[in-house]
């Protein structure tokens, strides 16, 4: 789900995906 949000999400979703993956990891 992390790479999927970064690739297909809206503008700024890359930062949201990386921050979320950092916390959940």
PDBML (XML) file of the C-alpha atoms, coordinates in Angstrom:
<?xml version="1.0" encoding="UTF-8" ?>
<PDBx:datablock datablockName="MODEL"
   xmlns:PDBx="http://pdbml.pdb.org/schema/pdbx-v50.xsd"
   xmlns:xsi="http://www.w3.org/2001/XMLSchema-instance"
   xsi:schemaLocation="http://pdbml.pdb.org/schema/pdbx-v50.xsd pdbx-v50.xsd">
   <PDBx:atom_siteCategory>
      <PDBx:atom_site id="1">
         <PDBx:B_iso_or_equiv>0.00</PDBx:B_iso_or_equiv>
         <PDBx:Cartn_x>0.000</PDBx:Cartn_x>
         <PDBx:Cartn_y>0.000</PDBx:Cartn_y>
         <PDBx:Cartn_z>0.000</PDBx:Cartn_z>
         <PDBx:auth_asym_id>A</PDBx:auth_asym_id>
         <PDBx:auth_atom_id>CA</PDBx:auth_atom_id>
         <PDBx:auth_comp_id>UNK</PDBx:auth_comp_id>
         <PDBx:auth_seq_id>1</PDBx:auth_seq_id>
         <PDBx:group_PDB>ATOM</PDBx:group_PDB>
         <PDBx:label_alt_id xsi:nil="true" />
         <PDBx:label_asym_id>A</PDBx:label_asym_id>
         <PDBx:label_atom_id>CA</PDBx:label_atom_id>
         <PDBx:label_comp_id>UNK</PDBx:label_comp_id>
         <PDBx:label_entity_id>1</PDBx:label_entity_id>
         <PDBx:label_seq_id>1</PDBx:label_seq_id>
         <PDBx:occupancy>1.00</PDBx:occupancy>
         <PDBx:pdbx_PDB_model_num>1</PDBx:pdbx_PDB_model_num>
         <PDBx:type_symbol>C</PDBx:type_symbol>
      </PDBx:atom_site>
      <PDBx:atom_site id="2">
         <PDBx:B_iso_or_equiv>0.00</PDBx:B_iso_or_equiv>
         <PDBx:Cartn_x>2.860</PDBx:Cartn_x>
         <PDBx:Cartn_y>2.410</PDBx:Cartn_y>
         <PDBx:Cartn_z>0.636</PDBx:Cartn_z>
         <PDBx:auth_asym_id>A</PDBx:auth_asym_id>
         <PDBx:auth_atom_id>CA</PDBx:auth_atom_id>
         <PDBx:auth_comp_id>UNK</PDBx:auth_comp_id>
         <PDBx:auth_seq_id>2</PDBx:auth_seq_id>
         <PDBx:group_PDB>ATOM</PDBx:group_PDB>
         <PDBx:label_alt_id xsi:nil="true" />
         <PDBx:label_asym_id>A</PDBx:label_asym_id>
         <PDBx:label_atom_id>CA</PDBx:label_atom_id>
         <PDBx:label_comp_id>UNK</PDBx:label_comp_id>
         <PDBx:label_entity_id>1</PDBx:label_entity_id>
         <PDBx:label_seq_id>2</PDBx:label_seq_id>
         <PDBx:occupancy>1.00</PDBx:occupancy>
         <PDBx:pdbx_PDB_model_num>1</PDBx:pdbx_PDB_model_num>
         <PDBx:type_symbol>C</PDBx:type_symbol>
      </PDBx:atom_site>
      <PDBx:atom_site id="3">
         <PDBx:B_iso_or_equiv>0.00</PDBx:B_iso_or_equiv>
         <PDBx:Cartn_x>4.284</PDBx:Cartn_x>
         <PDBx:Cartn_y>2.498</PDBx:Cartn_y>
         <PDBx:Cartn_z>-2.911</PDBx:Cartn_z>
         <PDBx:auth_asym_id>A</PDBx:auth_asym_id>
         <PDBx:auth_atom_id>CA</PDBx:auth_atom_id>
         <PDBx:auth_comp_id>UNK</PDBx:auth_comp_id>
         <PDBx:auth_seq_id>3</PDBx:auth_seq_id>
         <PDBx:group_PDB>ATOM</PDBx:group_PDB>
         <PDBx:label_alt_id xsi:nil="true" />
         <PDBx:label_asym_id>A</PDBx:label_asym_id>
         <PDBx:label_atom_id>CA</PDBx:label_atom_id>
         <PDBx:label_comp_id>UNK</PDBx:label_comp_id>
         <PDBx:label_entity_id>1</PDBx:label_entity_id>
         <PDBx:label_seq_id>3</PDBx:label_seq_id>
         <PDBx:occupancy>1.00</PDBx:occupancy>
         <PDBx:pdbx_PDB_model_num>1</PDBx:pdbx_PDB_model_num>
         <PDBx:type_symbol>C</PDBx:type_symbol>
      </PDBx:atom_site>
      <PDBx:atom_site id="4">
         <PDBx:B_iso_or_equiv>0.00</PDBx:B_iso_or_equiv>
         <PDBx:Cartn_x>0.741</PDBx:Cartn_x>
         <PDBx:Cartn_y>2.445</PDBx:Cartn_y>
         <PDBx:Cartn_z>-4.295</PDBx:Cartn_z>
         <PDBx:auth_asym_id>A</PDBx:auth_asym_id>
         <PDBx:auth_atom_id>CA</PDBx:auth_atom_id>
         <PDBx:auth_comp_id>UNK</PDBx:auth_comp_id>
         <PDBx:auth_seq_id>4</PDBx:auth_seq_id>
         <PDBx:group_PDB>ATOM</PDBx:group_PDB>
         <PDBx:label_alt_id xsi:nil="true" />
         <PDBx:label_asym_id>A</PDBx:label_asym_id>
         <PDBx:label_atom_id>CA</PDBx:label_atom_id>
         <PDBx:label_comp_id>UNK</PDBx:label_comp_id>
         <PDBx:label_entity_id>1</PDBx:label_entity_id>
         <PDBx:label_seq_id>4</PDBx:label_seq_id>
         <PDBx:occupancy>1.00</PDBx:occupancy>
         <PDBx:pdbx_PDB_model_num>1</PDBx:pdbx_PDB_model_num>
         <PDBx:type_symbol>C</PDBx:type_symbol>
      </PDBx:atom_site>
      <PDBx:atom_site id="5">
         <PDBx:B_iso_or_equiv>0.00</PDBx:B_iso_or_equiv>
         <PDBx:Cartn_x>-0.174</PDBx:Cartn_x>
         <PDBx:Cartn_y>5.604</PDBx:Cartn_y>
         <PDBx:Cartn_z>-2.381</PDBx:Cartn_z>
         <PDBx:auth_asym_id>A</PDBx:auth_asym_id>
         <PDBx:auth_atom_id>CA</PDBx:auth_atom_id>
         <PDBx:auth_comp_id>UNK</PDBx:auth_comp_id>
         <PDBx:auth_seq_id>5</PDBx:auth_seq_id>
         <PDBx:group_PDB>ATOM</PDBx:group_PDB>
         <PDBx:label_alt_id xsi:nil="true" />
         <PDBx:label_asym_id>A</PDBx:label_asym_id>
         <PDBx:label_atom_id>CA</PDBx:label_atom_id>
         <PDBx:label_comp_id>UNK</PDBx:label_comp_id>
         <PDBx:label_entity_id>1</PDBx:label_entity_id>
         <PDBx:label_seq_id>5</PDBx:label_seq_id>
         <PDBx:occupancy>1.00</PDBx:occupancy>
         <PDBx:pdbx_PDB_model_num>1</PDBx:pdbx_PDB_model_num>
         <PDBx:type_symbol>C</PDBx:type_symbol>
      </PDBx:atom_site>
      <PDBx:atom_site id="6">
         <PDBx:B_iso_or_equiv>0.00</PDBx:B_iso_or_equiv>
         <PDBx:Cartn_x>3.034</PDBx:Cartn_x>
         <PDBx:Cartn_y>7.316</PDBx:Cartn_y>
         <PDBx:Cartn_z>-3.461</PDBx:Cartn_z>
         <PDBx:auth_asym_id>A</PDBx:auth_asym_id>
         <PDBx:auth_atom_id>CA</PDBx:auth_atom_id>
         <PDBx:auth_comp_id>UNK</PDBx:auth_comp_id>
         <PDBx:auth_seq_id>6</PDBx:auth_seq_id>
         <PDBx:group_PDB>ATOM</PDBx:group_PDB>
         <PDBx:label_alt_id xsi:nil="true" />
         <PDBx:label_asym_id>A</PDBx:label_asym_id>
         <PDBx:label_atom_id>CA</PDBx:label_atom_id>
         <PDBx:label_comp_id>UNK</PDBx:label_comp_id>
         <PDBx:label_entity_id>1</PDBx:label_entity_id>
         <PDBx:label_seq_id>6</PDBx:label_seq_id>
         <PDBx:occupancy>1.00</PDBx:occupancy>
         <PDBx:pdbx_PDB_model_num>1</PDBx:pdbx_PDB_model_num>
         <PDBx:type_symbol>C</PDBx:type_symbol>
      </PDBx:atom_site>
      <PDBx:atom_site id="7">
         <PDBx:B_iso_or_equiv>0.00</PDBx:B_iso_or_equiv>
         <PDBx:Cartn_x>2.505</PDBx:Cartn_x>
         <PDBx:Cartn_y>6.509</PDBx:Cartn_y>
         <PDBx:Cartn_z>-7.152</PDBx:Cartn_z>
         <PDBx:auth_asym_id>A</PDBx:auth_asym_id>
         <PDBx:auth_atom_id>CA</PDBx:auth_atom_id>
         <PDBx:auth_comp_id>UNK</PDBx:auth_comp_id>
         <PDBx:auth_seq_id>7</PDBx:auth_seq_id>
         <PDBx:group_PDB>ATOM</PDBx:group_PDB>
         <PDBx:label_alt_id xsi:nil="true" />
         <PDBx:label_asym_id>A</PDBx:label_asym_id>
         <PDBx:label_atom_id>CA</PDBx:label_atom_id>
         <PDBx:label_comp_id>UNK</PDBx:label_comp_id>
         <PDBx:label_entity_id>1</PDBx:label_entity_id>
         <PDBx:label_seq_id>7</PDBx:label_seq_id>
         <PDBx:occupancy>1.00</PDBx:occupancy>
         <PDBx:pdbx_PDB_model_num>1</PDBx:pdbx_PDB_model_num>
         <PDBx:type_symbol>C</PDBx:type_symbol>
      </PDBx:atom_site>
      <PDBx:atom_site id="8">
         <PDBx:B_iso_or_equiv>0.00</PDBx:B_iso_or_equiv>
         <PDBx:Cartn_x>-1.262</PDBx:Cartn_x>
         <PDBx:Cartn_y>6.941</PDBx:Cartn_y>
         <PDBx:Cartn_z>-7.583</PDBx:Cartn_z>
         <PDBx:auth_asym_id>A</PDBx:auth_asym_id>
         <PDBx:auth_atom_id>CA</PDBx:auth_atom_id>
         <PDBx:auth_comp_id>UNK</PDBx:auth_comp_id>
         <PDBx:auth_seq_id>8</PDBx:auth_seq_id>
         <PDBx:group_PDB>ATOM</PDBx:group_PDB>
         <PDBx:label_alt_id xsi:nil="true" />
         <PDBx:label_asym_id>A</PDBx:label_asym_id>
         <PDBx:label_atom_id>CA</PDBx:label_atom_id>
         <PDBx:label_comp_id>UNK</PDBx:label_comp_id>
         <PDBx:label_entity_id>1</PDBx:label_entity_id>
         <PDBx:label_seq_id>8</PDBx:label_seq_id>
         <PDBx:occupancy>1.00</PDBx:occupancy>
         <PDBx:pdbx_PDB_model_num>1</PDBx:pdbx_PDB_model_num>
         <PDBx:type_symbol>C</PDBx:type_symbol>
      </PDBx:atom_site>
      <PDBx:atom_site id="9">
         <PDBx:B_iso_or_equiv>0.00</PDBx:B_iso_or_equiv>
         <PDBx:Cartn_x>-2.128</PDBx:Cartn_x>
         <PDBx:Cartn_y>9.370</PDBx:Cartn_y>
         <PDBx:Cartn_z>-4.807</PDBx:Cartn_z>
         <PDBx:auth_asym_id>A</PDBx:auth_asym_id>
         <PDBx:auth_atom_id>CA</PDBx:auth_atom_id>
         <PDBx:auth_comp_id>UNK</PDBx:auth_comp_id>
         <PDBx:auth_seq_id>9</PDBx:auth_seq_id>
         <PDBx:group_PDB>ATOM</PDBx:group_PDB>
         <PDBx:label_alt_id xsi:nil="true" />
         <PDBx:label_asym_id>A</PDBx:label_asym_id>
         <PDBx:label_atom_id>CA</PDBx:label_atom_id>
         <PDBx:label_comp_id>UNK</PDBx:label_comp_id>
         <PDBx:label_entity_id>1</PDBx:label_entity_id>
         <PDBx:label_seq_id>9</PDBx:label_seq_id>
         <PDBx:occupancy>1.00</PDBx:occupancy>
         <PDBx:pdbx_PDB_model_num>1</PDBx:pdbx_PDB_model_num>
         <PDBx:type_symbol>C</PDBx:type_symbol>
      </PDBx:atom_site>
      <PDBx:atom_site id="10">
         <PDBx:B_iso_or_equiv>0.00</PDBx:B_iso_or_equiv>
         <PDBx:Cartn_x>-2.824</PDBx:Cartn_x>
         <PDBx:Cartn_y>13.082</PDBx:Cartn_y>
         <PDBx:Cartn_z>-5.114</PDBx:Cartn_z>
         <PDBx:auth_asym_id>A</PDBx:auth_asym_id>
         <PDBx:auth_atom_id>CA</PDBx:auth_atom_id>
         <PDBx:auth_comp_id>UNK</PDBx:auth_comp_id>
         <PDBx:auth_seq_id>10</PDBx:auth_seq_id>
         <PDBx:group_PDB>ATOM</PDBx:group_PDB>
         <PDBx:label_alt_id xsi:nil="true" />
         <PDBx:label_asym_id>A</PDBx:label_asym_id>
         <PDBx:label_atom_id>CA</PDBx:label_atom_id>
         <PDBx:label_comp_id>UNK</PDBx:label_comp_id>
         <PDBx:label_entity_id>1</PDBx:label_entity_id>
         <PDBx:label_seq_id>10</PDBx:label_seq_id>
         <PDBx:occupancy>1.00</PDBx:occupancy>
         <PDBx:pdbx_PDB_model_num>1</PDBx:pdbx_PDB_model_num>
         <PDBx:type_symbol>C</PDBx:type_symbol>
      </PDBx:atom_site>
      <PDBx:atom_site id="11">
         <PDBx:B_iso_or_equiv>0.00</PDBx:B_iso_or_equiv>
         <PDBx:Cartn_x>-0.220</PDBx:Cartn_x>
         <PDBx:Cartn_y>15.818</PDBx:Cartn_y>
         <PDBx:Cartn_z>-4.954</PDBx:Cartn_z>
         <PDBx:auth_asym_id>A</PDBx:auth_asym_id>
         <PDBx:auth_atom_id>CA</PDBx:auth_atom_id>
         <PDBx:auth_comp_id>UNK</PDBx:auth_comp_id>
         <PDBx:auth_seq_id>11</PDBx:auth_seq_id>
         <PDBx:group_PDB>ATOM</PDBx:group_PDB>
         <PDBx:label_alt_id xsi:nil="true" />
         <PDBx:label_asym_id>A</PDBx:label_asym_id>
         <PDBx:label_atom_id>CA</PDBx:label_atom_id>
         <PDBx:label_comp_id>UNK</PDBx:label_comp_id>
         <PDBx:label_entity_id>1</PDBx:label_entity_id>
         <PDBx:label_seq_id>11</PDBx:label_seq_id>
         <PDBx:occupancy>1.00</PDBx:occupancy>
         <PDBx:pdbx_PDB_model_num>1</PDBx:pdbx_PDB_model_num>
         <PDBx:type_symbol>C</PDBx:type_symbol>
      </PDBx:atom_site>
      <PDBx:atom_site id="12">
         <PDBx:B_iso_or_equiv>0.00</PDBx:B_iso_or_equiv>
         <PDBx:Cartn_x>1.893</PDBx:Cartn_x>
         <PDBx:Cartn_y>15.487</PDBx:Cartn_y>
         <PDBx:Cartn_z>-1.817</PDBx:Cartn_z>
         <PDBx:auth_asym_id>A</PDBx:auth_asym_id>
         <PDBx:auth_atom_id>CA</PDBx:auth_atom_id>
         <PDBx:auth_comp_id>UNK</PDBx:auth_comp_id>
         <PDBx:auth_seq_id>12</PDBx:auth_seq_id>
         <PDBx:group_PDB>ATOM</PDBx:group_PDB>
         <PDBx:label_alt_id xsi:nil="true" />
         <PDBx:label_asym_id>A</PDBx:label_asym_id>
         <PDBx:label_atom_id>CA</PDBx:label_atom_id>
         <PDBx:label_comp_id>UNK</PDBx:label_comp_id>
         <PDBx:label_entity_id>1</PDBx:label_entity_id>
         <PDBx:label_seq_id>12</PDBx:label_seq_id>
         <PDBx:occupancy>1.00</PDBx:occupancy>
         <PDBx:pdbx_PDB_model_num>1</PDBx:pdbx_PDB_model_num>
         <PDBx:type_symbol>C</PDBx:type_symbol>
      </PDBx:atom_site>
      <PDBx:atom_site id="13">
         <PDBx:B_iso_or_equiv>0.00</PDBx:B_iso_or_equiv>
         <PDBx:Cartn_x>1.070</PDBx:Cartn_x>
         <PDBx:Cartn_y>11.812</PDBx:Cartn_y>
         <PDBx:Cartn_z>-1.321</PDBx:Cartn_z>
         <PDBx:auth_asym_id>A</PDBx:auth_asym_id>
         <PDBx:auth_atom_id>CA</PDBx:auth_atom_id>
         <PDBx:auth_comp_id>UNK</PDBx:auth_comp_id>
         <PDBx:auth_seq_id>13</PDBx:auth_seq_id>
         <PDBx:group_PDB>ATOM</PDBx:group_PDB>
         <PDBx:label_alt_id xsi:nil="true" />
         <PDBx:label_asym_id>A</PDBx:label_asym_id>
         <PDBx:label_atom_id>CA</PDBx:label_atom_id>
         <PDBx:label_comp_id>UNK</PDBx:label_comp_id>
         <PDBx:label_entity_id>1</PDBx:label_entity_id>
         <PDBx:label_seq_id>13</PDBx:label_seq_id>
         <PDBx:occupancy>1.00</PDBx:occupancy>
         <PDBx:pdbx_PDB_model_num>1</PDBx:pdbx_PDB_model_num>
         <PDBx:type_symbol>C</PDBx:type_symbol>
      </PDBx:atom_site>
      <PDBx:atom_site id="14">
         <PDBx:B_iso_or_equiv>0.00</PDBx:B_iso_or_equiv>
         <PDBx:Cartn_x>4.746</PDBx:Cartn_x>
         <PDBx:Cartn_y>10.837</PDBx:Cartn_y>
         <PDBx:Cartn_z>-1.564</PDBx:Cartn_z>
         <PDBx:auth_asym_id>A</PDBx:auth_asym_id>
         <PDBx:auth_atom_id>CA</PDBx:auth_atom_id>
         <PDBx:auth_comp_id>UNK</PDBx:auth_comp_id>
         <PDBx:auth_seq_id>14</PDBx:auth_seq_id>
         <PDBx:group_PDB>ATOM</PDBx:group_PDB>
         <PDBx:label_alt_id xsi:nil="true" />
         <PDBx:label_asym_id>A</PDBx:label_asym_id>
         <PDBx:label_atom_id>CA</PDBx:label_atom_id>
         <PDBx:label_comp_id>UNK</PDBx:label_comp_id>
         <PDBx:label_entity_id>1</PDBx:label_entity_id>
         <PDBx:label_seq_id>14</PDBx:label_seq_id>
         <PDBx:occupancy>1.00</PDBx:occupancy>
         <PDBx:pdbx_PDB_model_num>1</PDBx:pdbx_PDB_model_num>
         <PDBx:type_symbol>C</PDBx:type_symbol>
      </PDBx:atom_site>
      <PDBx:atom_site id="15">
         <PDBx:B_iso_or_equiv>0.00</PDBx:B_iso_or_equiv>
         <PDBx:Cartn_x>5.529</PDBx:Cartn_x>
         <PDBx:Cartn_y>12.575</PDBx:Cartn_y>
         <PDBx:Cartn_z>1.733</PDBx:Cartn_z>
         <PDBx:auth_asym_id>A</PDBx:auth_asym_id>
         <PDBx:auth_atom_id>CA</PDBx:auth_atom_id>
         <PDBx:auth_comp_id>UNK</PDBx:auth_comp_id>
         <PDBx:auth_seq_id>15</PDBx:auth_seq_id>
         <PDBx:group_PDB>ATOM</PDBx:group_PDB>
         <PDBx:label_alt_id xsi:nil="true" />
         <PDBx:label_asym_id>A</PDBx:label_asym_id>
         <PDBx:label_atom_id>CA</PDBx:label_atom_id>
         <PDBx:label_comp_id>UNK</PDBx:label_comp_id>
         <PDBx:label_entity_id>1</PDBx:label_entity_id>
         <PDBx:label_seq_id>15</PDBx:label_seq_id>
         <PDBx:occupancy>1.00</PDBx:occupancy>
         <PDBx:pdbx_PDB_model_num>1</PDBx:pdbx_PDB_model_num>
         <PDBx:type_symbol>C</PDBx:type_symbol>
      </PDBx:atom_site>
      <PDBx:atom_site id="16">
         <PDBx:B_iso_or_equiv>0.00</PDBx:B_iso_or_equiv>
         <PDBx:Cartn_x>2.430</PDBx:Cartn_x>
         <PDBx:Cartn_y>11.076</PDBx:Cartn_y>
         <PDBx:Cartn_z>3.349</PDBx:Cartn_z>
         <PDBx:auth_asym_id>A</PDBx:auth_asym_id>
         <PDBx:auth_atom_id>CA</PDBx:auth_atom_id>
         <PDBx:auth_comp_id>UNK</PDBx:auth_comp_id>
         <PDBx:auth_seq_id>16</PDBx:auth_seq_id>
         <PDBx:group_PDB>ATOM</PDBx:group_PDB>
         <PDBx:label_alt_id xsi:nil="true" />
         <PDBx:label_asym_id>A</PDBx:label_asym_id>
         <PDBx:label_atom_id>CA</PDBx:label_atom_id>
         <PDBx:label_comp_id>UNK</PDBx:label_comp_id>
         <PDBx:label_entity_id>1</PDBx:label_entity_id>
         <PDBx:label_seq_id>16</PDBx:label_seq_id>
         <PDBx:occupancy>1.00</PDBx:occupancy>
         <PDBx:pdbx_PDB_model_num>1</PDBx:pdbx_PDB_model_num>
         <PDBx:type_symbol>C</PDBx:type_symbol>
      </PDBx:atom_site>
      <PDBx:atom_site id="17">
         <PDBx:B_iso_or_equiv>0.00</PDBx:B_iso_or_equiv>
         <PDBx:Cartn_x>3.349</PDBx:Cartn_x>
         <PDBx:Cartn_y>7.574</PDBx:Cartn_y>
         <PDBx:Cartn_z>2.164</PDBx:Cartn_z>
         <PDBx:auth_asym_id>A</PDBx:auth_asym_id>
         <PDBx:auth_atom_id>CA</PDBx:auth_atom_id>
         <PDBx:auth_comp_id>UNK</PDBx:auth_comp_id>
         <PDBx:auth_seq_id>17</PDBx:auth_seq_id>
         <PDBx:group_PDB>ATOM</PDBx:group_PDB>
         <PDBx:label_alt_id xsi:nil="true" />
         <PDBx:label_asym_id>A</PDBx:label_asym_id>
         <PDBx:label_atom_id>CA</PDBx:label_atom_id>
         <PDBx:label_comp_id>UNK</PDBx:label_comp_id>
         <PDBx:label_entity_id>1</PDBx:label_entity_id>
         <PDBx:label_seq_id>17</PDBx:label_seq_id>
         <PDBx:occupancy>1.00</PDBx:occupancy>
         <PDBx:pdbx_PDB_model_num>1</PDBx:pdbx_PDB_model_num>
         <PDBx:type_symbol>C</PDBx:type_symbol>
      </PDBx:atom_site>
      <PDBx:atom_site id="18">
         <PDBx:B_iso_or_equiv>0.00</PDBx:B_iso_or_equiv>
         <PDBx:Cartn_x>6.966</PDBx:Cartn_x>
         <PDBx:Cartn_y>7.801</PDBx:Cartn_y>
         <PDBx:Cartn_z>3.375</PDBx:Cartn_z>
         <PDBx:auth_asym_id>A</PDBx:auth_asym_id>
         <PDBx:auth_atom_id>CA</PDBx:auth_atom_id>
         <PDBx:auth_comp_id>UNK</PDBx:auth_comp_id>
         <PDBx:auth_seq_id>18</PDBx:auth_seq_id>
         <PDBx:group_PDB>ATOM</PDBx:group_PDB>
         <PDBx:label_alt_id xsi:nil="true" />
         <PDBx:label_asym_id>A</PDBx:label_asym_id>
         <PDBx:label_atom_id>CA</PDBx:label_atom_id>
         <PDBx:label_comp_id>UNK</PDBx:label_comp_id>
         <PDBx:label_entity_id>1</PDBx:label_entity_id>
         <PDBx:label_seq_id>18</PDBx:label_seq_id>
         <PDBx:occupancy>1.00</PDBx:occupancy>
         <PDBx:pdbx_PDB_model_num>1</PDBx:pdbx_PDB_model_num>
         <PDBx:type_symbol>C</PDBx:type_symbol>
      </PDBx:atom_site>
      <PDBx:atom_site id="19">
         <PDBx:B_iso_or_equiv>0.00</PDBx:B_iso_or_equiv>
         <PDBx:Cartn_x>6.001</PDBx:Cartn_x>
         <PDBx:Cartn_y>9.233</PDBx:Cartn_y>
         <PDBx:Cartn_z>6.781</PDBx:Cartn_z>
         <PDBx:auth_asym_id>A</PDBx:auth_asym_id>
         <PDBx:auth_atom_id>CA</PDBx:auth_atom_id>
         <PDBx:auth_comp_id>UNK</PDBx:auth_comp_id>
         <PDBx:auth_seq_id>19</PDBx:auth_seq_id>
         <PDBx:group_PDB>ATOM</PDBx:group_PDB>
         <PDBx:label_alt_id xsi:nil="true" />
         <PDBx:label_asym_id>A</PDBx:label_asym_id>
         <PDBx:label_atom_id>CA</PDBx:label_atom_id>
         <PDBx:label_comp_id>UNK</PDBx:label_comp_id>
         <PDBx:label_entity_id>1</PDBx:label_entity_id>
         <PDBx:label_seq_id>19</PDBx:label_seq_id>
         <PDBx:occupancy>1.00</PDBx:occupancy>
         <PDBx:pdbx_PDB_model_num>1</PDBx:pdbx_PDB_model_num>
         <PDBx:type_symbol>C</PDBx:type_symbol>
      </PDBx:atom_site>
      <PDBx:atom_site id="20">
         <PDBx:B_iso_or_equiv>0.00</PDBx:B_iso_or_equiv>
         <PDBx:Cartn_x>3.320</PDBx:Cartn_x>
         <PDBx:Cartn_y>6.577</PDBx:Cartn_y>
         <PDBx:Cartn_z>7.236</PDBx:Cartn_z>
         <PDBx:auth_asym_id>A</PDBx:auth_asym_id>
         <PDBx:auth_atom_id>CA</PDBx:auth_atom_id>
         <PDBx:auth_comp_id>UNK</PDBx:auth_comp_id>
         <PDBx:auth_seq_id>20</PDBx:auth_seq_id>
         <PDBx:group_PDB>ATOM</PDBx:group_PDB>
         <PDBx:label_alt_id xsi:nil="true" />
         <PDBx:label_asym_id>A</PDBx:label_asym_id>
         <PDBx:label_atom_id>CA</PDBx:label_atom_id>
         <PDBx:label_comp_id>UNK</PDBx:label_comp_id>
         <PDBx:label_entity_id>1</PDBx:label_entity_id>
         <PDBx:label_seq_id>20</PDBx:label_seq_id>
         <PDBx:occupancy>1.00</PDBx:occupancy>
         <PDBx:pdbx_PDB_model_num>1</PDBx:pdbx_PDB_model_num>
         <PDBx:type_symbol>C</PDBx:type_symbol>
      </PDBx:atom_site>
      <PDBx:atom_site id="21">
         <PDBx:B_iso_or_equiv>0.00</PDBx:B_iso_or_equiv>
         <PDBx:Cartn_x>5.675</PDBx:Cartn_x>
         <PDBx:Cartn_y>3.775</PDBx:Cartn_y>
         <PDBx:Cartn_z>6.261</PDBx:Cartn_z>
         <PDBx:auth_asym_id>A</PDBx:auth_asym_id>
         <PDBx:auth_atom_id>CA</PDBx:auth_atom_id>
         <PDBx:auth_comp_id>UNK</PDBx:auth_comp_id>
         <PDBx:auth_seq_id>21</PDBx:auth_seq_id>
         <PDBx:group_PDB>ATOM</PDBx:group_PDB>
         <PDBx:label_alt_id xsi:nil="true" />
         <PDBx:label_asym_id>A</PDBx:label_asym_id>
         <PDBx:label_atom_id>CA</PDBx:label_atom_id>
         <PDBx:label_comp_id>UNK</PDBx:label_comp_id>
         <PDBx:label_entity_id>1</PDBx:label_entity_id>
         <PDBx:label_seq_id>21</PDBx:label_seq_id>
         <PDBx:occupancy>1.00</PDBx:occupancy>
         <PDBx:pdbx_PDB_model_num>1</PDBx:pdbx_PDB_model_num>
         <PDBx:type_symbol>C</PDBx:type_symbol>
      </PDBx:atom_site>
      <PDBx:atom_site id="22">
         <PDBx:B_iso_or_equiv>0.00</PDBx:B_iso_or_equiv>
         <PDBx:Cartn_x>8.306</PDBx:Cartn_x>
         <PDBx:Cartn_y>5.079</PDBx:Cartn_y>
         <PDBx:Cartn_z>8.657</PDBx:Cartn_z>
         <PDBx:auth_asym_id>A</PDBx:auth_asym_id>
         <PDBx:auth_atom_id>CA</PDBx:auth_atom_id>
         <PDBx:auth_comp_id>UNK</PDBx:auth_comp_id>
         <PDBx:auth_seq_id>22</PDBx:auth_seq_id>
         <PDBx:group_PDB>ATOM</PDBx:group_PDB>
         <PDBx:label_alt_id xsi:nil="true" />
         <PDBx:label_asym_id>A</PDBx:label_asym_id>
         <PDBx:label_atom_id>CA</PDBx:label_atom_id>
         <PDBx:label_comp_id>UNK</PDBx:label_comp_id>
         <PDBx:label_entity_id>1</PDBx:label_entity_id>
         <PDBx:label_seq_id>22</PDBx:label_seq_id>
         <PDBx:occupancy>1.00</PDBx:occupancy>
         <PDBx:pdbx_PDB_model_num>1</PDBx:pdbx_PDB_model_num>
         <PDBx:type_symbol>C</PDBx:type_symbol>
      </PDBx:atom_site>
      <PDBx:atom_site id="23">
         <PDBx:B_iso_or_equiv>0.00</PDBx:B_iso_or_equiv>
         <PDBx:Cartn_x>5.877</PDBx:Cartn_x>
         <PDBx:Cartn_y>4.949</PDBx:Cartn_y>
         <PDBx:Cartn_z>11.576</PDBx:Cartn_z>
         <PDBx:auth_asym_id>A</PDBx:auth_asym_id>
         <PDBx:auth_atom_id>CA</PDBx:auth_atom_id>
         <PDBx:auth_comp_id>UNK</PDBx:auth_comp_id>
         <PDBx:auth_seq_id>23</PDBx:auth_seq_id>
         <PDBx:group_PDB>ATOM</PDBx:group_PDB>
         <PDBx:label_alt_id xsi:nil="true" />
         <PDBx:label_asym_id>A</PDBx:label_asym_id>
         <PDBx:label_atom_id>CA</PDBx:label_atom_id>
         <PDBx:label_comp_id>UNK</PDBx:label_comp_id>
         <PDBx:label_entity_id>1</PDBx:label_entity_id>
         <PDBx:label_seq_id>23</PDBx:label_seq_id>
         <PDBx:occupancy>1.00</PDBx:occupancy>
         <PDBx:pdbx_PDB_model_num>1</PDBx:pdbx_PDB_model_num>
         <PDBx:type_symbol>C</PDBx:type_symbol>
      </PDBx:atom_site>
      <PDBx:atom_site id="24">
         <PDBx:B_iso_or_equiv>0.00</PDBx:B_iso_or_equiv>
         <PDBx:Cartn_x>4.312</PDBx:Cartn_x>
         <PDBx:Cartn_y>1.606</PDBx:Cartn_y>
         <PDBx:Cartn_z>10.741</PDBx:Cartn_z>
         <PDBx:auth_asym_id>A</PDBx:auth_asym_id>
         <PDBx:auth_atom_id>CA</PDBx:auth_atom_id>
         <PDBx:auth_comp_id>UNK</PDBx:auth_comp_id>
         <PDBx:auth_seq_id>24</PDBx:auth_seq_id>
         <PDBx:group_PDB>ATOM</PDBx:group_PDB>
         <PDBx:label_alt_id xsi:nil="true" />
         <PDBx:label_asym_id>A</PDBx:label_asym_id>
         <PDBx:label_atom_id>CA</PDBx:label_atom_id>
         <PDBx:label_comp_id>UNK</PDBx:label_comp_id>
         <PDBx:label_entity_id>1</PDBx:label_entity_id>
         <PDBx:label_seq_id>24</PDBx:label_seq_id>
         <PDBx:occupancy>1.00</PDBx:occupancy>
         <PDBx:pdbx_PDB_model_num>1</PDBx:pdbx_PDB_model_num>
         <PDBx:type_symbol>C</PDBx:type_symbol>
      </PDBx:atom_site>
      <PDBx:atom_site id="25">
         <PDBx:B_iso_or_equiv>0.00</PDBx:B_iso_or_equiv>
         <PDBx:Cartn_x>7.673</PDBx:Cartn_x>
         <PDBx:Cartn_y>0.023</PDBx:Cartn_y>
         <PDBx:Cartn_z>9.992</PDBx:Cartn_z>
         <PDBx:auth_asym_id>A</PDBx:auth_asym_id>
         <PDBx:auth_atom_id>CA</PDBx:auth_atom_id>
         <PDBx:auth_comp_id>UNK</PDBx:auth_comp_id>
         <PDBx:auth_seq_id>25</PDBx:auth_seq_id>
         <PDBx:group_PDB>ATOM</PDBx:group_PDB>
         <PDBx:label_alt_id xsi:nil="true" />
         <PDBx:label_asym_id>A</PDBx:label_asym_id>
         <PDBx:label_atom_id>CA</PDBx:label_atom_id>
         <PDBx:label_comp_id>UNK</PDBx:label_comp_id>
         <PDBx:label_entity_id>1</PDBx:label_entity_id>
         <PDBx:label_seq_id>25</PDBx:label_seq_id>
         <PDBx:occupancy>1.00</PDBx:occupancy>
         <PDBx:pdbx_PDB_model_num>1</PDBx:pdbx_PDB_model_num>
         <PDBx:type_symbol>C</PDBx:type_symbol>
      </PDBx:atom_site>
   </PDBx:atom_siteCategory>
</PDBx:datablock>
